[in-house]
PDB file of N, CA and C in Angstrom:
ATOM      1  N   SER A   1      88.674 144.271 114.867  1.00  0.00           N
ATOM      2  CA  SER A   1      88.810 142.974 114.997  1.00  0.00           C
ATOM      3  C   SER A   1      90.263 142.689 114.712  1.00  0.00           C
ATOM      4  N   ARG A   2      90.580 141.195 115.202  1.00  0.00           N
ATOM      5  CA  ARG A   2      92.037 140.797 115.399  1.00  0.00           C
ATOM      6  C   ARG A   2      92.249 140.139 113.863  1.00  0.00           C
ATOM      7  N   PRO A   3      93.254 140.095 113.285  1.00  0.00           N
ATOM      8  CA  PRO A   3      93.403 139.245 112.133  1.00  0.00           C
ATOM      9  C   PRO A   3      93.658 137.704 112.557  1.00  0.00           C
ATOM     10  N   GLN A   4      93.010 136.852 111.866  1.00  0.00           N
ATOM     11  CA  GLN A   4      93.103 135.462 112.144  1.00  0.00           C
ATOM     12  C   GLN A   4      94.418 134.895 111.767  1.00  0.00           C
ATOM     13  N   ILE A   5      94.990 134.215 112.573  1.00  0.00           N
ATOM     14  CA  ILE A   5      96.391 133.368 112.376  1.00  0.00           C
ATOM     15  C   ILE A   5      95.962 131.972 111.830  1.00  0.00           C
ATOM     16  N   VAL A   6      96.593 131.539 110.907  1.00  0.00           N
ATOM     17  CA  VAL A   6      96.453 130.234 110.493  1.00  0.00           C
ATOM     18  C   VAL A   6      97.668 129.495 110.599  1.00  0.00           C
ATOM     19  N   ARG A   7      97.754 128.487 111.524  1.00  0.00           N
ATOM     20  CA  ARG A   7      98.800 127.625 111.740  1.00  0.00           C
ATOM     21  C   ARG A   7      98.862 126.268 110.752  1.00  0.00           C
ATOM     22  N   GLN A   8     100.043 126.231 110.403  1.00  0.00           N
ATOM     23  CA  GLN A   8     100.147 125.017 109.335  1.00  0.00           C
ATOM     24  C   GLN A   8     101.207 124.077 109.947  1.00  0.00           C
ATOM     25  N   LEU A   9     101.130 122.967 109.768  1.00  0.00           N
ATOM     26  CA  LEU A   9     102.022 121.862 110.318  1.00  0.00           C
ATOM     27  C   LEU A   9     103.173 121.685 109.192  1.00  0.00           C
ATOM     28  N   HIS A  10     104.439 121.691 109.551  1.00  0.00           N
ATOM     29  CA  HIS A  10     105.396 121.587 108.500  1.00  0.00           C
ATOM     30  C   HIS A  10     106.146 120.335 108.800  1.00  0.00           C
ATOM     31  N   PHE A  11     106.022 119.508 107.747  1.00  0.00           N
ATOM     32  CA  PHE A  11     106.795 118.158 107.800  1.00  0.00           C
ATOM     33  C   PHE A  11     107.967 118.144 106.840  1.00  0.00           C
ATOM     34  N   SER A  12     109.259 118.011 107.514  1.00  0.00           N
ATOM     35  CA  SER A  12     110.175 117.841 106.520  1.00  0.00           C
ATOM     36  C   SER A  12     110.381 116.588 105.873  1.00  0.00           C
ATOM     37  N   PRO A  13     110.986 116.248 104.972  1.00  0.00           N
ATOM     38  CA  PRO A  13     111.125 115.059 104.319  1.00  0.00           C
ATOM     39  C   PRO A  13     112.138 114.086 105.073  1.00  0.00           C
ATOM     40  N   PRO A  14     112.046 112.786 105.170  1.00  0.00           N
ATOM     41  CA  PRO A  14     112.987 112.002 105.831  1.00  0.00           C
ATOM     42  C   PRO A  14     114.285 112.269 105.221  1.00  0.00           C
ATOM     43  N   ARG A  15     115.442 112.106 105.904  1.00  0.00           N
ATOM     44  CA  ARG A  15     116.746 112.388 105.524  1.00  0.00           C
ATOM     45  C   ARG A  15     117.656 111.119 105.689  1.00  0.00           C
ATOM     46  N   GLU A  16     117.063 110.028 105.162  1.00  0.00           N
ATOM     47  CA  GLU A  16     117.965 108.897 105.226  1.00  0.00           C
ATOM     48  C   GLU A  16     118.895 108.853 104.017  1.00  0.00           C
ATOM     49  N   SER A  17     119.941 108.240 104.123  1.00  0.00           N
ATOM     50  CA  SER A  17     120.938 108.277 103.111  1.00  0.00           C
ATOM     51  C   SER A  17     120.463 107.413 101.904  1.00  0.00           C
ATOM     52  N   SER A  18     120.429 107.804 100.693  1.00  0.00           N
ATOM     53  CA  SER A  18     119.914 106.923  99.661  1.00  0.00           C
ATOM     54  C   SER A  18     121.044 105.665  99.464  1.00  0.00           C
ATOM     55  N   LEU A  19     122.178 105.826  99.794  1.00  0.00           N
ATOM     56  CA  LEU A  19     123.180 104.781  99.708  1.00  0.00           C
ATOM     57  C   LEU A  19     122.810 103.608 100.672  1.00  0.00           C
ATOM     58  N   VAL A  20     122.356 103.935 102.009  1.00  0.00           N
ATOM     59  CA  VAL A  20     121.941 103.013 102.877  1.00  0.00           C
ATOM     60  C   VAL A  20     120.645 102.301 102.322  1.00  0.00           C
ATOM     61  N   VAL A  21     119.860 103.165 101.894  1.00  0.00           N
ATOM     62  CA  VAL A  21     118.523 102.419 101.353  1.00  0.00           C
ATOM     63  C   VAL A  21     118.707 101.444 100.331  1.00  0.00           C
ATOM     64  N   ALA A  22     119.654 101.846  99.387  1.00  0.00           N
ATOM     65  CA  ALA A  22     120.113 101.200  98.345  1.00  0.00           C
ATOM     66  C   ALA A  22     120.532  99.797  98.670  1.00  0.00           C
ATOM     67  N   CYS A  23     121.587  99.958  99.753  1.00  0.00           N
ATOM     68  CA  CYS A  23     122.218  98.633 100.175  1.00  0.00           C
ATOM     69  C   CYS A  23     121.367  97.663 100.850  1.00  0.00           C
ATOM     70  N   PHE A  24     120.215  98.151 101.782  1.00  0.00           N
ATOM     71  CA  PHE A  24     119.178  97.413 102.235  1.00  0.00           C
ATOM     72  C   PHE A  24     118.361  96.803 101.157  1.00  0.00           C
ATOM     73  N   GLY A  25     118.089  97.604 100.134  1.00  0.00           N
ATOM     74  CA  GLY A  25     117.339  96.984  99.064  1.00  0.00           C
ATOM     75  C   GLY A  25     117.991  95.867  98.215  1.00  0.00           C
ATOM     76  N   ILE A  26     119.165  95.908  97.882  1.00  0.00           N
ATOM     77  CA  ILE A  26     120.024  95.033  97.227  1.00  0.00           C
ATOM     78  C   ILE A  26     120.162  93.740  98.292  1.00  0.00           C
ATOM     79  N   ALA A  27     120.281  93.916  99.538  1.00  0.00           N
ATOM     80  CA  ALA A  27     120.562  92.877 100.384  1.00  0.00           C
ATOM     81  C   ALA A  27     119.152  91.920 100.400  1.00  0.00           C
ATOM     82  N   GLY A  28     118.028  92.757 100.486  1.00  0.00           N
ATOM     83  CA  GLY A  28     116.652  92.249 100.207  1.00  0.00           C
ATOM     84  C   GLY A  28     116.334  91.392  99.332  1.00  0.00           C
ATOM     85  N   VAL A  29     116.893  91.806  98.188  1.00  0.00           N
ATOM     86  CA  VAL A  29     116.674  91.150  96.739  1.00  0.00           C
ATOM     87  C   VAL A  29     117.457  89.948  96.827  1.00  0.00           C
ATOM     88  N   ALA A  30     118.839  90.103  97.118  1.00  0.00           N
ATOM     89  CA  ALA A  30     119.727  89.003  97.309  1.00  0.00           C
ATOM     90  C   ALA A  30     118.953  87.923  98.258  1.00  0.00           C
ATOM     91  N   PHE A  31     118.608  88.083  99.528  1.00  0.00           N
ATOM     92  CA  PHE A  31     118.044  87.281 100.368  1.00  0.00           C
ATOM     93  C   PHE A  31     116.709  86.598  99.830  1.00  0.00           C
ATOM     94  N   GLY A  32     116.062  87.443  99.244  1.00  0.00           N
ATOM     95  CA  GLY A  32     114.776  86.997  98.832  1.00  0.00           C
ATOM     96  C   GLY A  32     115.019  85.860  97.428  1.00  0.00           C
ATOM     97  N   SER A  33     115.733  86.263  96.717  1.00  0.00           N
ATOM     98  CA  SER A  33     116.187  85.270  95.597  1.00  0.00           C
ATOM     99  C   SER A  33     116.998  84.061  95.970  1.00  0.00           C
ATOM    100  N   ASN A  34     117.679  84.177  97.006  1.00  0.00           N
ATOM    101  CA  ASN A  34     118.210  82.937  97.680  1.00  0.00           C
ATOM    102  C   ASN A  34     117.157  82.000  98.192  1.00  0.00           C
ATOM    103  N   MET A  35     116.338  82.488  98.940  1.00  0.00           N
ATOM    104  CA  MET A  35     114.964  81.892  99.477  1.00  0.00           C
ATOM    105  C   MET A  35     114.271  81.160  98.157  1.00  0.00           C
ATOM    106  N   ILE A  36     113.926  81.931  97.265  1.00  0.00           N
ATOM    107  CA  ILE A  36     112.947  81.386  96.149  1.00  0.00           C
ATOM    108  C   ILE A  36     113.974  80.144  95.394  1.00  0.00           C
ATOM    109  N   LEU A  37     115.277  80.445  95.165  1.00  0.00           N
ATOM    110  CA  LEU A  37     116.011  79.507  94.520  1.00  0.00           C
ATOM    111  C   LEU A  37     116.236  78.203  95.376  1.00  0.00           C
ATOM    112  N   SER A  38     116.305  78.371  96.800  1.00  0.00           N
ATOM    113  CA  SER A  38     116.271  76.975  97.511  1.00  0.00           C
ATOM    114  C   SER A  38     115.158  76.471  97.687  1.00  0.00           C
ATOM    115  N   ALA A  39     113.879  77.147  97.661  1.00  0.00           N
ATOM    116  CA  ALA A  39     112.557  76.541  97.608  1.00  0.00           C
ATOM    117  C   ALA A  39     112.406  75.675  96.279  1.00  0.00           C
ATOM    118  N   LEU A  40     112.878  76.349  95.184  1.00  0.00           N
ATOM    119  CA  LEU A  40     112.652  75.661  93.910  1.00  0.00           C
ATOM    120  C   LEU A  40     113.507  74.299  93.802  1.00  0.00           C
ATOM    121  N   ALA A  41     114.711  74.276  94.414  1.00  0.00           N
ATOM    122  CA  ALA A  41     115.578  73.196  94.507  1.00  0.00           C
ATOM    123  C   ALA A  41     115.051  72.157  95.244  1.00  0.00           C
ATOM    124  N   LYS A  42     114.342  72.458  96.363  1.00  0.00           N
ATOM    125  CA  LYS A  42     113.742  71.552  97.425  1.00  0.00           C
ATOM    126  C   LYS A  42     112.475  70.935  96.709  1.00  0.00           C
ATOM    127  N   ARG A  43     111.567  71.746  96.051  1.00  0.00           N
ATOM    128  CA  ARG A  43     110.538  71.315  95.345  1.00  0.00           C
ATOM    129  C   ARG A  43     111.007  70.427  94.345  1.00  0.00           C
ATOM    130  N   GLN A  44     112.134  70.585  93.433  1.00  0.00           N
ATOM    131  CA  GLN A  44     112.429  69.681  92.477  1.00  0.00           C
ATOM    132  C   GLN A  44     112.944  68.423  93.136  1.00  0.00           C
ATOM    133  N   GLU A  45     113.806  68.479  94.394  1.00  0.00           N
ATOM    134  CA  GLU A  45     114.085  67.162  95.068  1.00  0.00           C
ATOM    135  C   GLU A  45     113.087  66.292  95.492  1.00  0.00           C
ATOM    136  N   ALA A  46     111.832  66.926  95.865  1.00  0.00           N
ATOM    137  CA  ALA A  46     110.734  66.336  96.477  1.00  0.00           C
ATOM    138  C   ALA A  46     109.921  65.724  95.239  1.00  0.00           C
ATOM    139  N   SER A  47     110.039  66.314  94.131  1.00  0.00           N
ATOM    140  CA  SER A  47     109.162  65.664  92.806  1.00  0.00           C
ATOM    141  C   SER A  47     109.651  64.277  92.590  1.00  0.00           C
ATOM    142  N   GLY A  48     111.130  64.274  92.972  1.00  0.00           N
ATOM    143  CA  GLY A  48     111.669  62.707  92.709  1.00  0.00           C
ATOM    144  C   GLY A  48     111.329  62.036  91.435  1.00  0.00           C
ATOM    145  N   ASP A  49     111.243  62.770  90.217  1.00  0.00           N
ATOM    146  CA  ASP A  49     110.687  62.152  88.964  1.00  0.00           C
ATOM    147  C   ASP A  49     111.979  61.359  88.312  1.00  0.00           C
ATOM    148  N   GLY A  50     113.172  61.682  88.982  1.00  0.00           N
ATOM    149  CA  GLY A  50     114.223  60.835  88.520  1.00  0.00           C
ATOM    150  C   GLY A  50     114.925  61.372  86.901  1.00  0.00           C
ATOM    151  N   SER A  51     114.242  62.446  86.381  1.00  0.00           N
ATOM    152  CA  SER A  51     114.699  62.613  85.326  1.00  0.00           C
ATOM    153  C   SER A  51     115.868  63.531  85.311  1.00  0.00           C
ATOM    154  N   SER A  52     116.795  63.429  84.507  1.00  0.00           N
ATOM    155  CA  SER A  52     118.135  64.386  84.531  1.00  0.00           C
ATOM    156  C   SER A  52     117.706  65.754  83.799  1.00  0.00           C
ATOM    157  N   GLN A  53     116.618  65.951  83.199  1.00  0.00           N
ATOM    158  CA  GLN A  53     116.252  67.064  82.492  1.00  0.00           C
ATOM    159  C   GLN A  53     115.926  68.258  83.584  1.00  0.00           C
ATOM    160  N   GLY A  54     116.678  69.197  83.254  1.00  0.00           N
ATOM    161  CA  GLY A  54     116.445  70.557  84.182  1.00  0.00           C
ATOM    162  C   GLY A  54     116.966  70.278  85.649  1.00  0.00           C
ATOM    163  N   SER A  55     117.847  69.250  85.891  1.00  0.00           N
ATOM    164  CA  SER A  55     118.358  68.990  87.416  1.00  0.00           C
ATOM    165  C   SER A  55     119.482  70.127  87.428  1.00  0.00           C
ATOM    166  N   PHE A  56     119.665  70.752  88.493  1.00  0.00           N
ATOM    167  CA  PHE A  56     120.762  71.571  88.814  1.00  0.00           C
ATOM    168  C   PHE A  56     121.218  71.475  90.018  1.00  0.00           C
ATOM    169  N   SER A  57     122.423  72.048  90.549  1.00  0.00           N
ATOM    170  CA  SER A  57     122.854  72.071  91.963  1.00  0.00           C
ATOM    171  C   SER A  57     122.883  73.515  92.259  1.00  0.00           C
ATOM    172  N   MET A  58     122.138  74.020  93.252  1.00  0.00           N
ATOM    173  CA  MET A  58     122.182  75.313  93.545  1.00  0.00           C
ATOM    174  C   MET A  58     122.950  75.439  94.964  1.00  0.00           C
ATOM    175  N   PRO A  59     123.921  76.282  94.928  1.00  0.00           N
ATOM    176  CA  PRO A  59     124.571  76.594  96.194  1.00  0.00           C
ATOM    177  C   PRO A  59     123.907  77.618  97.102  1.00  0.00           C
ATOM    178  N   ASN A  60     123.887  77.219  98.413  1.00  0.00           N
ATOM    179  CA  ASN A  60     123.198  78.313  99.391  1.00  0.00           C
ATOM    180  C   ASN A  60     124.226  79.622  99.390  1.00  0.00           C
ATOM    181  N   LEU A  61     123.749  80.654  98.700  1.00  0.00           N
ATOM    182  CA  LEU A  61     124.325  81.840  98.665  1.00  0.00           C
ATOM    183  C   LEU A  61     124.296  82.584  99.891  1.00  0.00           C
ATOM    184  N   PHE A  62     123.318  82.614 100.551  1.00  0.00           N
ATOM    185  CA  PHE A  62     123.191  83.341 101.917  1.00  0.00           C
ATOM    186  C   PHE A  62     124.178  82.954 102.778  1.00  0.00           C
ATOM    187  N   SER A  63     124.404  81.580 103.024  1.00  0.00           N
ATOM    188  CA  SER A  63     125.389  80.928 103.899  1.00  0.00           C
ATOM    189  C   SER A  63     126.743  81.032 103.526  1.00  0.00           C
ATOM    190  N   SER A  64     127.004  81.196 102.344  1.00  0.00           N
ATOM    191  CA  SER A  64     128.391  81.363 101.631  1.00  0.00           C
ATOM    192  C   SER A  64     128.888  82.872 101.917  1.00  0.00           C
ATOM    193  N   VAL A  65     127.905  83.701 101.943  1.00  0.00           N
ATOM    194  CA  VAL A  65     128.313  85.229 102.189  1.00  0.00           C
ATOM    195  C   VAL A  65     128.382  85.578 103.713  1.00  0.00           C
ATOM    196  N   PHE A  66     127.372  85.011 104.447  1.00  0.00           N
ATOM    197  CA  PHE A  66     127.562  85.518 105.818  1.00  0.00           C
ATOM    198  C   PHE A  66     127.746  84.117 106.754  1.00  0.00           C
ATOM    199  N   SER A  67     128.636  83.430 106.238  1.00  0.00           N
ATOM    200  CA  SER A  67     129.156  82.164 107.410  1.00  0.00           C
ATOM    201  C   SER A  67     130.437  82.746 108.046  1.00  0.00           C
ATOM    202  N   ALA A  68     130.496  82.011 109.189  1.00  0.00           N
ATOM    203  CA  ALA A  68     131.673  82.442 110.067  1.00  0.00           C
ATOM    204  C   ALA A  68     132.915  81.664 109.914  1.00  0.00           C
ATOM    205  N   LYS A  69     133.260  81.546 108.535  1.00  0.00           N
ATOM    206  CA  LYS A  69     134.558  80.818 108.110  1.00  0.00           C
ATOM    207  C   LYS A  69     135.617  81.645 108.321  1.00  0.00           C
ATOM    208  N   ALA A  70     135.560  82.980 108.819  1.00  0.00           N
ATOM    209  CA  ALA A  70     136.774  83.647 109.002  1.00  0.00           C
ATOM    210  C   ALA A  70     137.378  83.271 110.298  1.00  0.00           C
ATOM    211  N   TYR A  71     136.830  82.518 111.205  1.00  0.00           N
ATOM    212  CA  TYR A  71     137.453  82.292 112.290  1.00  0.00           C
ATOM    213  C   TYR A  71     138.324  80.925 112.286  1.00  0.00           C
ATOM    214  N   TYR A  72     139.465  80.728 113.079  1.00  0.00           N
ATOM    215  CA  TYR A  72     140.263  79.673 112.824  1.00  0.00           C
ATOM    216  C   TYR A  72     139.713  78.523 113.347  1.00  0.00           C
ATOM    217  N   GLN A  73     139.700  77.271 112.697  1.00  0.00           N
ATOM    218  CA  GLN A  73     138.935  76.346 113.098  1.00  0.00           C
ATOM    219  C   GLN A  73     139.672  75.276 113.885  1.00  0.00           C
ATOM    220  N   GLY A  74     140.767  75.315 114.119  1.00  0.00           N
ATOM    221  CA  GLY A  74     141.528  74.453 115.135  1.00  0.00           C
ATOM    222  C   GLY A  74     142.816  74.067 114.505  1.00  0.00           C
ATOM    223  N   GLY A  75     143.438  72.931 115.022  1.00  0.00           N
ATOM    224  CA  GLY A  75     144.688  72.352 114.689  1.00  0.00           C
ATOM    225  C   GLY A  75     145.621  72.820 115.777  1.00  0.00           C
ATOM    226  N   PHE A  76     145.276  72.909 117.003  1.00  0.00           N
ATOM    227  CA  PHE A  76     146.104  73.543 117.823  1.00  0.00           C
ATOM    228  C   PHE A  76     147.297  72.684 118.240  1.00  0.00           C
ATOM    229  N   GLU A  77     148.343  73.323 118.439  1.00  0.00           N
ATOM    230  CA  GLU A  77     149.742  72.770 119.017  1.00  0.00           C
ATOM    231  C   GLU A  77     149.707  72.826 120.544  1.00  0.00           C
ATOM    232  N   ASP A  78     150.631  72.092 121.085  1.00  0.00           N
ATOM    233  CA  ASP A  78     150.734  72.012 122.563  1.00  0.00           C
ATOM    234  C   ASP A  78     150.853  73.486 123.113  1.00  0.00           C
ATOM    235  N   THR A  79     151.930  74.320 122.673  1.00  0.00           N
ATOM    236  CA  THR A  79     152.025  75.608 123.080  1.00  0.00           C
ATOM    237  C   THR A  79     151.570  76.557 122.119  1.00  0.00           C
ATOM    238  N   MET A  80     150.708  77.588 122.341  1.00  0.00           N
ATOM    239  CA  MET A  80     150.223  78.510 121.400  1.00  0.00           C
ATOM    240  C   MET A  80     151.453  79.399 120.781  1.00  0.00           C
ATOM    241  N   THR A  81     151.491  79.493 119.444  1.00  0.00           N
ATOM    242  CA  THR A  81     152.145  80.411 118.838  1.00  0.00           C
ATOM    243  C   THR A  81     151.616  81.757 118.503  1.00  0.00           C
ATOM    244  N   LYS A  82     152.484  82.666 118.170  1.00  0.00           N
ATOM    245  CA  LYS A  82     151.959  84.094 117.871  1.00  0.00           C
ATOM    246  C   LYS A  82     151.027  83.912 116.673  1.00  0.00           C
ATOM    247  N   ARG A  83     151.472  83.188 115.682  1.00  0.00           N
ATOM    248  CA  ARG A  83     150.613  82.956 114.489  1.00  0.00           C
ATOM    249  C   ARG A  83     149.279  82.378 114.693  1.00  0.00           C
ATOM    250  N   GLU A  84     149.411  81.465 115.606  1.00  0.00           N
ATOM    251  CA  GLU A  84     148.086  80.834 116.120  1.00  0.00           C
ATOM    252  C   GLU A  84     147.104  81.795 116.876  1.00  0.00           C
ATOM    253  N   ALA A  85     147.528  82.562 117.616  1.00  0.00           N
ATOM    254  CA  ALA A  85     146.766  83.512 118.462  1.00  0.00           C
ATOM    255  C   ALA A  85     146.205  84.369 117.392  1.00  0.00           C
ATOM    256  N   ALA A  86     147.092  84.916 116.448  1.00  0.00           N
ATOM    257  CA  ALA A  86     146.523  85.861 115.366  1.00  0.00           C
ATOM    258  C   ALA A  86     145.415  85.231 114.625  1.00  0.00           C
ATOM    259  N   LEU A  87     145.603  84.123 114.337  1.00  0.00           N
ATOM    260  CA  LEU A  87     144.380  83.386 113.438  1.00  0.00           C
ATOM    261  C   LEU A  87     143.291  83.260 114.233  1.00  0.00           C
ATOM    262  N   ILE A  88     143.277  82.928 115.570  1.00  0.00           N
ATOM    263  CA  ILE A  88     142.146  82.648 116.337  1.00  0.00           C
ATOM    264  C   ILE A  88     141.441  83.999 116.521  1.00  0.00           C
ATOM    265  N   LEU A  89     142.385  85.398 116.824  1.00  0.00           N
ATOM    266  CA  LEU A  89     141.639  86.350 116.994  1.00  0.00           C
ATOM    267  C   LEU A  89     141.109  86.999 115.792  1.00  0.00           C
ATOM    268  N   GLY A  90     141.783  86.562 114.633  1.00  0.00           N
ATOM    269  CA  GLY A  90     141.372  87.350 113.429  1.00  0.00           C
ATOM    270  C   GLY A  90     141.890  88.462 113.035  1.00  0.00           C
ATOM    271  N   VAL A  91     143.215  88.557 113.450  1.00  0.00           N
ATOM    272  CA  VAL A  91     143.871  89.744 113.271  1.00  0.00           C
ATOM    273  C   VAL A  91     145.382  89.344 112.666  1.00  0.00           C
ATOM    274  N   ARG A  92     146.085  90.235 112.122  1.00  0.00           N
ATOM    275  CA  ARG A  92     147.363  89.797 111.541  1.00  0.00           C
ATOM    276  C   ARG A  92     148.519  89.713 112.666  1.00  0.00           C
ATOM    277  N   GLU A  93     149.488  89.111 112.251  1.00  0.00           N
ATOM    278  CA  GLU A  93     150.482  88.848 113.380  1.00  0.00           C
ATOM    279  C   GLU A  93     151.270  90.161 113.916  1.00  0.00           C
ATOM    280  N   SER A  94     151.084  91.152 112.842  1.00  0.00           N
ATOM    281  CA  SER A  94     151.883  92.528 113.242  1.00  0.00           C
ATOM    282  C   SER A  94     150.844  93.547 113.684  1.00  0.00           C
ATOM    283  N   ALA A  95     149.605  93.026 114.222  1.00  0.00           N
ATOM    284  CA  ALA A  95     148.415  93.980 114.508  1.00  0.00           C
ATOM    285  C   ALA A  95     148.987  94.681 115.689  1.00  0.00           C
ATOM    286  N   THR A  96     148.580  95.877 115.931  1.00  0.00           N
ATOM    287  CA  THR A  96     148.796  96.798 117.080  1.00  0.00           C
ATOM    288  C   THR A  96     148.207  96.191 118.521  1.00  0.00           C
ATOM    289  N   ARG A  97     148.604  96.538 119.611  1.00  0.00           N
ATOM    290  CA  ARG A  97     148.365  96.006 120.958  1.00  0.00           C
ATOM    291  C   ARG A  97     146.706  96.385 120.856  1.00  0.00           C
ATOM    292  N   GLU A  98     146.337  97.543 120.564  1.00  0.00           N
ATOM    293  CA  GLU A  98     144.920  98.170 120.771  1.00  0.00           C
ATOM    294  C   GLU A  98     144.019  97.076 119.786  1.00  0.00           C
ATOM    295  N   LYS A  99     144.445  96.769 118.558  1.00  0.00           N
ATOM    296  CA  LYS A  99     143.648  95.865 117.731  1.00  0.00           C
ATOM    297  C   LYS A  99     143.692  94.443 118.145  1.00  0.00           C
ATOM    298  N   ILE A 100     144.599  93.868 118.945  1.00  0.00           N
ATOM    299  CA  ILE A 100     144.607  92.675 119.562  1.00  0.00           C
ATOM    300  C   ILE A 100     143.509  92.725 120.715  1.00  0.00           C
ATOM    301  N   ARG A 101     143.563  93.932 121.486  1.00  0.00           N
ATOM    302  CA  ARG A 101     142.644  93.921 122.538  1.00  0.00           C
ATOM    303  C   ARG A 101     141.133  94.023 122.149  1.00  0.00           C
ATOM    304  N   GLU A 102     140.967  94.764 121.006  1.00  0.00           N
ATOM    305  CA  GLU A 102     139.654  94.732 120.589  1.00  0.00           C
ATOM    306  C   GLU A 102     139.199  93.473 120.001  1.00  0.00           C
ATOM    307  N   ALA A 103     139.907  92.748 119.211  1.00  0.00           N
ATOM    308  CA  ALA A 103     139.346  91.305 118.842  1.00  0.00           C
ATOM    309  C   ALA A 103     139.222  90.517 119.979  1.00  0.00           C
ATOM    310  N   HIS A 104     139.947  90.713 120.923  1.00  0.00           N
ATOM    311  CA  HIS A 104     139.865  89.680 122.251  1.00  0.00           C
ATOM    312  C   HIS A 104     138.450  90.005 122.784  1.00  0.00           C
ATOM    313  N   ARG A 105     138.208  91.180 122.901  1.00  0.00           N
ATOM    314  CA  ARG A 105     137.209  91.724 123.851  1.00  0.00           C
ATOM    315  C   ARG A 105     135.863  91.269 122.886  1.00  0.00           C
ATOM    316  N   HIS A 106     135.833  91.346 121.527  1.00  0.00           N
ATOM    317  CA  HIS A 106     134.936  90.988 120.875  1.00  0.00           C
ATOM    318  C   HIS A 106     134.551  89.736 120.958  1.00  0.00           C
ATOM    319  N   LEU A 107     135.611  88.843 120.801  1.00  0.00           N
ATOM    320  CA  LEU A 107     135.316  87.202 120.727  1.00  0.00           C
ATOM    321  C   LEU A 107     134.879  86.825 122.309  1.00  0.00           C
ATOM    322  N   SER A 108     135.472  87.455 123.415  1.00  0.00           N
ATOM    323  CA  SER A 108     134.936  87.240 124.661  1.00  0.00           C
ATOM    324  C   SER A 108     133.461  87.472 124.845  1.00  0.00           C
ATOM    325  N   ARG A 109     133.066  88.850 124.500  1.00  0.00           N
ATOM    326  CA  ARG A 109     131.646  88.965 124.188  1.00  0.00           C
ATOM    327  C   ARG A 109     130.811  88.091 123.470  1.00  0.00           C
ATOM    328  N   ALA A 110     131.357  87.684 122.333  1.00  0.00           N
ATOM    329  CA  ALA A 110     130.492  86.696 121.533  1.00  0.00           C
ATOM    330  C   ALA A 110     130.389  85.283 122.230  1.00  0.00           C
ATOM    331  N   ASN A 111     131.289  84.819 123.040  1.00  0.00           N
ATOM    332  CA  ASN A 111     131.216  83.478 123.534  1.00  0.00           C
ATOM    333  C   ASN A 111     130.936  83.546 124.860  1.00  0.00           C
ATOM    334  N   HIS A 112     130.730  84.657 125.474  1.00  0.00           N
ATOM    335  CA  HIS A 112     130.456  84.664 126.940  1.00  0.00           C
ATOM    336  C   HIS A 112     129.138  83.837 127.377  1.00  0.00           C
ATOM    337  N   PRO A 113     129.197  82.910 128.343  1.00  0.00           N
ATOM    338  CA  PRO A 113     128.014  82.227 128.553  1.00  0.00           C
ATOM    339  C   PRO A 113     126.798  82.910 128.919  1.00  0.00           C
ATOM    340  N   ASP A 114     126.805  84.148 129.302  1.00  0.00           N
ATOM    341  CA  ASP A 114     125.613  84.898 129.793  1.00  0.00           C
ATOM    342  C   ASP A 114     124.745  85.549 128.654  1.00  0.00           C
ATOM    343  N   THR A 115     125.683  85.359 127.358  1.00  0.00           N
ATOM    344  CA  THR A 115     124.908  86.129 126.281  1.00  0.00           C
ATOM    345  C   THR A 115     123.912  85.038 125.527  1.00  0.00           C
ATOM    346  N   GLY A 116     124.183  83.781 126.128  1.00  0.00           N
ATOM    347  CA  GLY A 116     123.240  82.787 125.325  1.00  0.00           C
ATOM    348  C   GLY A 116     123.848  82.222 124.118  1.00  0.00           C
TER     349      GLY A 116
END
């Protein structure tokens, strides 16, 4: 008689980087904390008891970290200077041609009307 072959499935453990997992965990905790603190501040405002006890001003941490304040907000001159162009593109005035092209492509894609 033939020997019986037993087949077993072998599952290898997932190989995600612990650093990536830790970063996502920290970001999740920060976002959740911001949402809870914002809800508490809104609840306190809605109570409207007028007491100064326990009143606090809570900044929006999420918007301060992820806002698009890095882009040049304006104050344009009649003719564009190299400094102004660098501010708009978000690069240094001494940036290489390739960096300038990359920044221009990024802004063009982000602001293209077909992207919504």
